[in-house]
Amino acid sequence: MSKEKDCNKEIKRSAKMEFIARFTLEDGTVVERKVPVDGGVPDRGEMDFSSVEGLLRSFDVYEQATLAASNRLRNEIADEYMTELSKKKDKTE
């Protein structure tokens, strides 16, 4: 029963993490975006190293949070980069 209870326990996510992407254009213009990992990720003490299942469950919480933030960052920085490039093209025409 205790193993079943442990499998269902919530994994805390107190470590804060953010992803940062930066483009520096030829003219020195910097396009930068920061995206936090919503809710954070498990800190060292919050990872469950007591079993393989616990470790996989802890890593899954970490991986899902970071993948979501990474995908969001790629979309946002691409939009900002393309917007900035279109401004530069307009000025040269």
PDB file of N, CA and C in Angstrom:
ATOM      1  N   MET A   1       0.819  -1.200   0.000  1.00  0.00           N
ATOM      2  CA  MET A   1       0.000   0.000   0.000  1.00  0.00           C
ATOM      3  C   MET A   1       0.861   1.263   0.000  1.00  0.00           C
ATOM      4  N   SER A   2       1.986   1.246   0.729  1.00  0.00           N
ATOM      5  CA  SER A   2       2.814   2.450   0.793  1.00  0.00           C
ATOM      6  C   SER A   2       3.477   2.743  -0.553  1.00  0.00           C
ATOM      7  N   LYS A   3       3.835   1.686  -1.311  1.00  0.00           N
ATOM      8  CA  LYS A   3       4.410   1.900  -2.638  1.00  0.00           C
ATOM      9  C   LYS A   3       3.387   2.592  -3.540  1.00  0.00           C
ATOM     10  N   GLU A   4       2.140   2.140  -3.472  1.00  0.00           N
ATOM     11  CA  GLU A   4       1.084   2.733  -4.282  1.00  0.00           C
ATOM     12  C   GLU A   4       0.880   4.194  -3.896  1.00  0.00           C
ATOM     13  N   LYS A   5       0.932   4.468  -2.625  1.00  0.00           N
ATOM     14  CA  LYS A   5       0.779   5.831  -2.124  1.00  0.00           C
ATOM     15  C   LYS A   5       1.939   6.709  -2.608  1.00  0.00           C
ATOM     16  N   ASP A   6       3.182   6.180  -2.563  1.00  0.00           N
ATOM     17  CA  ASP A   6       4.352   6.927  -3.011  1.00  0.00           C
ATOM     18  C   ASP A   6       4.279   7.258  -4.494  1.00  0.00           C
ATOM     19  N   CYS A   7       3.741   6.334  -5.305  1.00  0.00           N
ATOM     20  CA  CYS A   7       3.650   6.556  -6.747  1.00  0.00           C
ATOM     21  C   CYS A   7       2.727   7.721  -7.082  1.00  0.00           C
ATOM     22  N   ASN A   8       1.761   7.982  -6.225  1.00  0.00           N
ATOM     23  CA  ASN A   8       0.788   9.033  -6.504  1.00  0.00           C
ATOM     24  C   ASN A   8       1.113  10.365  -5.840  1.00  0.00           C
ATOM     25  N   LYS A   9       2.217  10.436  -5.102  1.00  0.00           N
ATOM     26  CA  LYS A   9       2.511  11.692  -4.420  1.00  0.00           C
ATOM     27  C   LYS A   9       2.976  12.763  -5.406  1.00  0.00           C
ATOM     28  N   GLU A  10       2.606  13.976  -5.112  1.00  0.00           N
ATOM     29  CA  GLU A  10       2.945  15.124  -5.953  1.00  0.00           C
ATOM     30  C   GLU A  10       4.432  15.450  -5.816  1.00  0.00           C
ATOM     31  N   ILE A  11       5.082  15.709  -6.935  1.00  0.00           N
ATOM     32  CA  ILE A  11       6.492  16.088  -6.918  1.00  0.00           C
ATOM     33  C   ILE A  11       6.557  17.610  -6.896  1.00  0.00           C
ATOM     34  N   LYS A  12       7.226  18.143  -5.894  1.00  0.00           N
ATOM     35  CA  LYS A  12       7.356  19.597  -5.768  1.00  0.00           C
ATOM     36  C   LYS A  12       8.304  20.132  -6.827  1.00  0.00           C
ATOM     37  N   ARG A  13       8.133  21.422  -7.150  1.00  0.00           N
ATOM     38  CA  ARG A  13       8.960  22.049  -8.183  1.00  0.00           C
ATOM     39  C   ARG A  13       9.387  23.438  -7.696  1.00  0.00           C
ATOM     40  N   SER A  14      10.322  23.481  -6.767  1.00  0.00           N
ATOM     41  CA  SER A  14      10.700  24.768  -6.178  1.00  0.00           C
ATOM     42  C   SER A  14      11.888  25.435  -6.865  1.00  0.00           C
ATOM     43  N   ALA A  15      12.618  24.717  -7.726  1.00  0.00           N
ATOM     44  CA  ALA A  15      13.756  25.329  -8.427  1.00  0.00           C
ATOM     45  C   ALA A  15      13.215  26.171  -9.589  1.00  0.00           C
ATOM     46  N   LYS A  16      13.681  27.392  -9.688  1.00  0.00           N
ATOM     47  CA  LYS A  16      13.255  28.293 -10.766  1.00  0.00           C
ATOM     48  C   LYS A  16      14.190  28.135 -11.947  1.00  0.00           C
ATOM     49  N   MET A  17      13.629  28.146 -13.142  1.00  0.00           N
ATOM     50  CA  MET A  17      14.437  28.003 -14.348  1.00  0.00           C
ATOM     51  C   MET A  17      13.848  28.899 -15.422  1.00  0.00           C
ATOM     52  N   GLU A  18      14.718  29.492 -16.239  1.00  0.00           N
ATOM     53  CA  GLU A  18      14.251  30.240 -17.396  1.00  0.00           C
ATOM     54  C   GLU A  18      15.187  29.981 -18.565  1.00  0.00           C
ATOM     55  N   PHE A  19      14.630  30.066 -19.733  1.00  0.00           N
ATOM     56  CA  PHE A  19      15.410  29.941 -20.959  1.00  0.00           C
ATOM     57  C   PHE A  19      15.565  31.324 -21.557  1.00  0.00           C
ATOM     58  N   ILE A  20      16.747  31.591 -22.104  1.00  0.00           N
ATOM     59  CA  ILE A  20      17.031  32.882 -22.717  1.00  0.00           C
ATOM     60  C   ILE A  20      17.592  32.642 -24.114  1.00  0.00           C
ATOM     61  N   ALA A  21      17.031  33.357 -25.083  1.00  0.00           N
ATOM     62  CA  ALA A  21      17.550  33.288 -26.457  1.00  0.00           C
ATOM     63  C   ALA A  21      17.862  34.715 -26.887  1.00  0.00           C
ATOM     64  N   ARG A  22      18.946  34.864 -27.651  1.00  0.00           N
ATOM     65  CA  ARG A  22      19.364  36.201 -28.076  1.00  0.00           C
ATOM     66  C   ARG A  22      19.933  36.143 -29.487  1.00  0.00           C
ATOM     67  N   PHE A  23      19.470  37.041 -30.314  1.00  0.00           N
ATOM     68  CA  PHE A  23      20.051  37.270 -31.636  1.00  0.00           C
ATOM     69  C   PHE A  23      20.688  38.641 -31.602  1.00  0.00           C
ATOM     70  N   THR A  24      21.880  38.786 -32.166  1.00  0.00           N
ATOM     71  CA  THR A  24      22.499  40.090 -32.341  1.00  0.00           C
ATOM     72  C   THR A  24      22.675  40.288 -33.843  1.00  0.00           C
ATOM     73  N   LEU A  25      21.955  41.254 -34.375  1.00  0.00           N
ATOM     74  CA  LEU A  25      21.998  41.508 -35.811  1.00  0.00           C
ATOM     75  C   LEU A  25      23.259  42.285 -36.182  1.00  0.00           C
ATOM     76  N   GLU A  26      23.559  42.320 -37.469  1.00  0.00           N
ATOM     77  CA  GLU A  26      24.770  42.991 -37.962  1.00  0.00           C
ATOM     78  C   GLU A  26      24.886  44.432 -37.490  1.00  0.00           C
ATOM     79  N   ASP A  27      23.748  45.115 -37.411  1.00  0.00           N
ATOM     80  CA  ASP A  27      23.779  46.530 -37.018  1.00  0.00           C
ATOM     81  C   ASP A  27      23.833  46.726 -35.505  1.00  0.00           C
ATOM     82  N   GLY A  28      23.944  45.631 -34.765  1.00  0.00           N
ATOM     83  CA  GLY A  28      24.040  45.712 -33.308  1.00  0.00           C
ATOM     84  C   GLY A  28      22.713  45.569 -32.585  1.00  0.00           C
ATOM     85  N   THR A  29      21.623  45.518 -33.325  1.00  0.00           N
ATOM     86  CA  THR A  29      20.309  45.332 -32.708  1.00  0.00           C
ATOM     87  C   THR A  29      20.266  43.967 -32.026  1.00  0.00           C
ATOM     88  N   VAL A  30      19.797  43.959 -30.792  1.00  0.00           N
ATOM     89  CA  VAL A  30      19.698  42.715 -30.030  1.00  0.00           C
ATOM     90  C   VAL A  30      18.228  42.346 -29.885  1.00  0.00           C
ATOM     91  N   VAL A  31      17.912  41.143 -30.269  1.00  0.00           N
ATOM     92  CA  VAL A  31      16.572  40.592 -30.099  1.00  0.00           C
ATOM     93  C   VAL A  31      16.711  39.505 -29.052  1.00  0.00           C
ATOM     94  N   GLU A  32      16.060  39.716 -27.903  1.00  0.00           N
ATOM     95  CA  GLU A  32      16.216  38.777 -26.789  1.00  0.00           C
ATOM     96  C   GLU A  32      14.867  38.430 -26.212  1.00  0.00           C
ATOM     97  N   ARG A  33      14.743  37.209 -25.785  1.00  0.00           N
ATOM     98  CA  ARG A  33      13.513  36.751 -25.155  1.00  0.00           C
ATOM     99  C   ARG A  33      13.861  35.843 -23.990  1.00  0.00           C
ATOM    100  N   LYS A  34      13.169  36.026 -22.865  1.00  0.00           N
ATOM    101  CA  LYS A  34      13.324  35.157 -21.689  1.00  0.00           C
ATOM    102  C   LYS A  34      11.974  34.509 -21.422  1.00  0.00           C
ATOM    103  N   VAL A  35      12.000  33.219 -21.179  1.00  0.00           N
ATOM    104  CA  VAL A  35      10.770  32.490 -20.881  1.00  0.00           C
ATOM    105  C   VAL A  35      11.013  31.648 -19.637  1.00  0.00           C
ATOM    106  N   PRO A  36      10.236  31.888 -18.580  1.00  0.00           N
ATOM    107  CA  PRO A  36      10.391  31.064 -17.379  1.00  0.00           C
ATOM    108  C   PRO A  36       9.709  29.714 -17.556  1.00  0.00           C
ATOM    109  N   VAL A  37      10.199  28.727 -16.832  1.00  0.00           N
ATOM    110  CA  VAL A  37       9.539  27.427 -16.786  1.00  0.00           C
ATOM    111  C   VAL A  37       8.407  27.578 -15.774  1.00  0.00           C
ATOM    112  N   ASP A  38       7.170  27.522 -16.259  1.00  0.00           N
ATOM    113  CA  ASP A  38       6.010  27.721 -15.388  1.00  0.00           C
ATOM    114  C   ASP A  38       6.006  26.715 -14.248  1.00  0.00           C
ATOM    115  N   GLY A  39       5.936  27.212 -13.045  1.00  0.00           N
ATOM    116  CA  GLY A  39       5.888  26.354 -11.869  1.00  0.00           C
ATOM    117  C   GLY A  39       7.233  25.827 -11.413  1.00  0.00           C
ATOM    118  N   GLY A  40       8.288  26.086 -12.179  1.00  0.00           N
ATOM    119  CA  GLY A  40       9.620  25.630 -11.812  1.00  0.00           C
ATOM    120  C   GLY A  40       9.849  24.169 -12.132  1.00  0.00           C
ATOM    121  N   VAL A  41      10.963  23.660 -11.644  1.00  0.00           N
ATOM    122  CA  VAL A  41      11.335  22.254 -11.836  1.00  0.00           C
ATOM    123  C   VAL A  41      11.722  21.675 -10.471  1.00  0.00           C
ATOM    124  N   PRO A  42      11.744  20.348 -10.353  1.00  0.00           N
ATOM    125  CA  PRO A  42      12.122  19.758  -9.071  1.00  0.00           C
ATOM    126  C   PRO A  42      13.562  20.120  -8.687  1.00  0.00           C
ATOM    127  N   ASP A  43      13.748  20.520  -7.454  1.00  0.00           N
ATOM    128  CA  ASP A  43      15.083  20.787  -6.918  1.00  0.00           C
ATOM    129  C   ASP A  43      15.712  19.439  -6.554  1.00  0.00           C
ATOM    130  N   ARG A  44      16.988  19.450  -6.287  1.00  0.00           N
ATOM    131  CA  ARG A  44      17.719  18.225  -5.961  1.00  0.00           C
ATOM    132  C   ARG A  44      17.019  17.435  -4.854  1.00  0.00           C
ATOM    133  N   GLY A  45      16.584  18.096  -3.813  1.00  0.00           N
ATOM    134  CA  GLY A  45      15.939  17.415  -2.694  1.00  0.00           C
ATOM    135  C   GLY A  45      14.525  16.941  -2.993  1.00  0.00           C
ATOM    136  N   GLU A  46      13.957  17.409  -4.096  1.00  0.00           N
ATOM    137  CA  GLU A  46      12.593  17.028  -4.464  1.00  0.00           C
ATOM    138  C   GLU A  46      12.549  15.876  -5.466  1.00  0.00           C
ATOM    139  N   MET A  47      13.701  15.517  -6.019  1.00  0.00           N
ATOM    140  CA  MET A  47      13.767  14.383  -6.937  1.00  0.00           C
ATOM    141  C   MET A  47      13.649  13.104  -6.116  1.00  0.00           C
ATOM    142  N   ASP A  48      12.938  12.132  -6.629  1.00  0.00           N
ATOM    143  CA  ASP A  48      12.744  10.859  -5.933  1.00  0.00           C
ATOM    144  C   ASP A  48      13.753   9.841  -6.458  1.00  0.00           C
ATOM    145  N   PHE A  49      14.848   9.672  -5.715  1.00  0.00           N
ATOM    146  CA  PHE A  49      15.894   8.725  -6.108  1.00  0.00           C
ATOM    147  C   PHE A  49      15.726   7.364  -5.419  1.00  0.00           C
ATOM    148  N   SER A  50      14.581   7.151  -4.767  1.00  0.00           N
ATOM    149  CA  SER A  50      14.389   5.928  -3.995  1.00  0.00           C
ATOM    150  C   SER A  50      14.147   4.690  -4.868  1.00  0.00           C
ATOM    151  N   SER A  51      13.737   4.901  -6.101  1.00  0.00           N
ATOM    152  CA  SER A  51      13.492   3.772  -7.004  1.00  0.00           C
ATOM    153  C   SER A  51      13.598   4.259  -8.443  1.00  0.00           C
ATOM    154  N   VAL A  52      13.686   3.329  -9.356  1.00  0.00           N
ATOM    155  CA  VAL A  52      13.732   3.682 -10.775  1.00  0.00           C
ATOM    156  C   VAL A  52      12.436   4.399 -11.168  1.00  0.00           C
ATOM    157  N   GLU A  53      11.309   3.887 -10.691  1.00  0.00           N
ATOM    158  CA  GLU A  53      10.025   4.499 -11.009  1.00  0.00           C
ATOM    159  C   GLU A  53       9.945   5.930 -10.472  1.00  0.00           C
ATOM    160  N   GLY A  54      10.458   6.123  -9.263  1.00  0.00           N
ATOM    161  CA  GLY A  54      10.456   7.460  -8.667  1.00  0.00           C
ATOM    162  C   GLY A  54      11.325   8.427  -9.457  1.00  0.00           C
ATOM    163  N   LEU A  55      12.486   7.955  -9.861  1.00  0.00           N
ATOM    164  CA  LEU A  55      13.389   8.787 -10.655  1.00  0.00           C
ATOM    165  C   LEU A  55      12.758   9.141 -11.998  1.00  0.00           C
ATOM    166  N   LEU A  56      12.157   8.158 -12.651  1.00  0.00           N
ATOM    167  CA  LEU A  56      11.508   8.413 -13.942  1.00  0.00           C
ATOM    168  C   LEU A  56      10.351   9.392 -13.799  1.00  0.00           C
ATOM    169  N   ARG A  57       9.584   9.263 -12.741  1.00  0.00           N
ATOM    170  CA  ARG A  57       8.468  10.168 -12.477  1.00  0.00           C
ATOM    171  C   ARG A  57       8.978  11.585 -12.228  1.00  0.00           C
ATOM    172  N   SER A  58      10.048  11.711 -11.443  1.00  0.00           N
ATOM    173  CA  SER A  58      10.643  13.019 -11.168  1.00  0.00           C
ATOM    174  C   SER A  58      11.207  13.643 -12.435  1.00  0.00           C
ATOM    175  N   PHE A  59      11.906  12.832 -13.222  1.00  0.00           N
ATOM    176  CA  PHE A  59      12.493  13.346 -14.455  1.00  0.00           C
ATOM    177  C   PHE A  59      11.407  13.755 -15.438  1.00  0.00           C
ATOM    178  N   ASP A  60      10.297  13.022 -15.458  1.00  0.00           N
ATOM    179  CA  ASP A  60       9.188  13.363 -16.347  1.00  0.00           C
ATOM    180  C   ASP A  60       8.622  14.742 -16.006  1.00  0.00           C
ATOM    181  N   VAL A  61       8.497  15.040 -14.724  1.00  0.00           N
ATOM    182  CA  VAL A  61       8.012  16.365 -14.304  1.00  0.00           C
ATOM    183  C   VAL A  61       8.973  17.445 -14.806  1.00  0.00           C
ATOM    184  N   TYR A  62      10.268  17.204 -14.630  1.00  0.00           N
ATOM    185  CA  TYR A  62      11.294  18.132 -15.111  1.00  0.00           C
ATOM    186  C   TYR A  62      11.212  18.288 -16.630  1.00  0.00           C
ATOM    187  N   GLU A  63      11.196  17.161 -17.323  1.00  0.00           N
ATOM    188  CA  GLU A  63      11.243  17.179 -18.788  1.00  0.00           C
ATOM    189  C   GLU A  63      10.018  17.859 -19.398  1.00  0.00           C
ATOM    190  N   GLN A  64       8.839  17.545 -18.900  1.00  0.00           N
ATOM    191  CA  GLN A  64       7.622  18.147 -19.453  1.00  0.00           C
ATOM    192  C   GLN A  64       7.623  19.662 -19.266  1.00  0.00           C
ATOM    193  N   ALA A  65       8.043  20.127 -18.103  1.00  0.00           N
ATOM    194  CA  ALA A  65       8.073  21.575 -17.839  1.00  0.00           C
ATOM    195  C   ALA A  65       9.095  22.277 -18.732  1.00  0.00           C
ATOM    196  N   THR A  66      10.268  21.687 -18.882  1.00  0.00           N
ATOM    197  CA  THR A  66      11.307  22.340 -19.683  1.00  0.00           C
ATOM    198  C   THR A  66      11.000  22.280 -21.170  1.00  0.00           C
ATOM    199  N   LEU A  67      10.422  21.191 -21.641  1.00  0.00           N
ATOM    200  CA  LEU A  67      10.060  21.109 -23.056  1.00  0.00           C
ATOM    201  C   LEU A  67       8.990  22.138 -23.415  1.00  0.00           C
ATOM    202  N   ALA A  68       8.015  22.308 -22.546  1.00  0.00           N
ATOM    203  CA  ALA A  68       6.961  23.297 -22.810  1.00  0.00           C
ATOM    204  C   ALA A  68       7.555  24.703 -22.885  1.00  0.00           C
ATOM    205  N   ALA A  69       8.432  25.036 -21.950  1.00  0.00           N
ATOM    206  CA  ALA A  69       9.049  26.370 -21.946  1.00  0.00           C
ATOM    207  C   ALA A  69       9.975  26.551 -23.148  1.00  0.00           C
ATOM    208  N   SER A  70      10.717  25.529 -23.493  1.00  0.00           N
ATOM    209  CA  SER A  70      11.628  25.593 -24.639  1.00  0.00           C
ATOM    210  C   SER A  70      10.857  25.799 -25.943  1.00  0.00           C
ATOM    211  N   ASN A  71       9.766  25.083 -26.100  1.00  0.00           N
ATOM    212  CA  ASN A  71       8.933  25.254 -27.296  1.00  0.00           C
ATOM    213  C   ASN A  71       8.352  26.663 -27.363  1.00  0.00           C
ATOM    214  N   ARG A  72       7.884  27.157 -26.232  1.00  0.00           N
ATOM    215  CA  ARG A  72       7.330  28.512 -26.186  1.00  0.00           C
ATOM    216  C   ARG A  72       8.401  29.538 -26.538  1.00  0.00           C
ATOM    217  N   LEU A  73       9.614  29.347 -26.016  1.00  0.00           N
ATOM    218  CA  LEU A  73      10.711  30.270 -26.308  1.00  0.00           C
ATOM    219  C   LEU A  73      11.034  30.273 -27.797  1.00  0.00           C
ATOM    220  N   ARG A  74      11.139  29.108 -28.399  1.00  0.00           N
ATOM    221  CA  ARG A  74      11.455  29.040 -29.835  1.00  0.00           C
ATOM    222  C   ARG A  74      10.414  29.773 -30.664  1.00  0.00           C
ATOM    223  N   ASN A  75       9.152  29.601 -30.325  1.00  0.00           N
ATOM    224  CA  ASN A  75       8.094  30.295 -31.065  1.00  0.00           C
ATOM    225  C   ASN A  75       8.170  31.806 -30.875  1.00  0.00           C
ATOM    226  N   GLU A  76       8.354  32.232 -29.639  1.00  0.00           N
ATOM    227  CA  GLU A  76       8.373  33.669 -29.352  1.00  0.00           C
ATOM    228  C   GLU A  76       9.594  34.359 -29.937  1.00  0.00           C
ATOM    229  N   ILE A  77      10.775  33.752 -29.833  1.00  0.00           N
ATOM    230  CA  ILE A  77      11.979  34.401 -30.352  1.00  0.00           C
ATOM    231  C   ILE A  77      11.940  34.418 -31.881  1.00  0.00           C
ATOM    232  N   ALA A  78      11.389  33.391 -32.495  1.00  0.00           N
ATOM    233  CA  ALA A  78      11.267  33.379 -33.958  1.00  0.00           C
ATOM    234  C   ALA A  78      10.351  34.504 -34.423  1.00  0.00           C
ATOM    235  N   ASP A  79       9.235  34.703 -33.727  1.00  0.00           N
ATOM    236  CA  ASP A  79       8.316  35.799 -34.078  1.00  0.00           C
ATOM    237  C   ASP A  79       9.006  37.155 -33.933  1.00  0.00           C
ATOM    238  N   GLU A  80       9.699  37.352 -32.826  1.00  0.00           N
ATOM    239  CA  GLU A  80      10.376  38.633 -32.599  1.00  0.00           C
ATOM    240  C   GLU A  80      11.492  38.861 -33.615  1.00  0.00           C
ATOM    241  N   TYR A  81      12.236  37.809 -33.917  1.00  0.00           N
ATOM    242  CA  TYR A  81      13.329  37.899 -34.880  1.00  0.00           C
ATOM    243  C   TYR A  81      12.790  38.283 -36.262  1.00  0.00           C
ATOM    244  N   MET A  82      11.748  37.599 -36.695  1.00  0.00           N
ATOM    245  CA  MET A  82      11.177  37.894 -38.010  1.00  0.00           C
ATOM    246  C   MET A  82      10.566  39.295 -38.051  1.00  0.00           C
ATOM    247  N   THR A  83       9.961  39.732 -36.971  1.00  0.00           N
ATOM    248  CA  THR A  83       9.420  41.091 -36.897  1.00  0.00           C
ATOM    249  C   THR A  83      10.540  42.111 -37.016  1.00  0.00           C
ATOM    250  N   GLU A  84      11.627  41.872 -36.316  1.00  0.00           N
ATOM    251  CA  GLU A  84      12.770  42.792 -36.372  1.00  0.00           C
ATOM    252  C   GLU A  84      13.386  42.812 -37.772  1.00  0.00           C
ATOM    253  N   LEU A  85      13.501  41.663 -38.397  1.00  0.00           N
ATOM    254  CA  LEU A  85      14.044  41.612 -39.755  1.00  0.00           C
ATOM    255  C   LEU A  85      13.142  42.351 -40.739  1.00  0.00           C
ATOM    256  N   SER A  86      11.837  42.228 -40.551  1.00  0.00           N
ATOM    257  CA  SER A  86      10.931  42.930 -41.472  1.00  0.00           C
ATOM    258  C   SER A  86      11.027  44.438 -41.306  1.00  0.00           C
ATOM    259  N   LYS A  87      11.305  44.922 -40.116  1.00  0.00           N
ATOM    260  CA  LYS A  87      11.513  46.354 -39.890  1.00  0.00           C
ATOM    261  C   LYS A  87      12.765  46.827 -40.624  1.00  0.00           C
ATOM    262  N   LYS A  88      13.808  46.024 -40.578  1.00  0.00           N
ATOM    263  CA  LYS A  88      15.063  46.388 -41.251  1.00  0.00           C
ATOM    264  C   LYS A  88      14.863  46.439 -42.754  1.00  0.00           C
ATOM    265  N   LYS A  89      14.110  45.484 -43.290  1.00  0.00           N
ATOM    266  CA  LYS A  89      13.878  45.456 -44.740  1.00  0.00           C
ATOM    267  C   LYS A  89      13.088  46.690 -45.159  1.00  0.00           C
ATOM    268  N   ASP A  90      12.070  47.063 -44.384  1.00  0.00           N
ATOM    269  CA  ASP A  90      11.268  48.236 -44.700  1.00  0.00           C
ATOM    270  C   ASP A  90      12.120  49.488 -44.765  1.00  0.00           C
ATOM    271  N   LYS A  91      13.096  49.599 -43.886  1.00  0.00           N
ATOM    272  CA  LYS A  91      13.952  50.795 -43.838  1.00  0.00           C
ATOM    273  C   LYS A  91      14.885  50.879 -45.030  1.00  0.00           C
ATOM    274  N   THR A  92      15.264  49.733 -45.605  1.00  0.00           N
ATOM    275  CA  THR A  92      16.201  49.736 -46.719  1.00  0.00           C
ATOM    276  C   THR A  92      15.517  49.940 -48.069  1.00  0.00           C
ATOM    277  N   GLU A  93      14.222  49.749 -48.104  1.00  0.00           N
ATOM    278  CA  GLU A  93      13.490  49.904 -49.386  1.00  0.00           C
ATOM    279  C   GLU A  93      13.215  51.339 -49.703  1.00  0.00           C
TER     280      GLU A  93
END
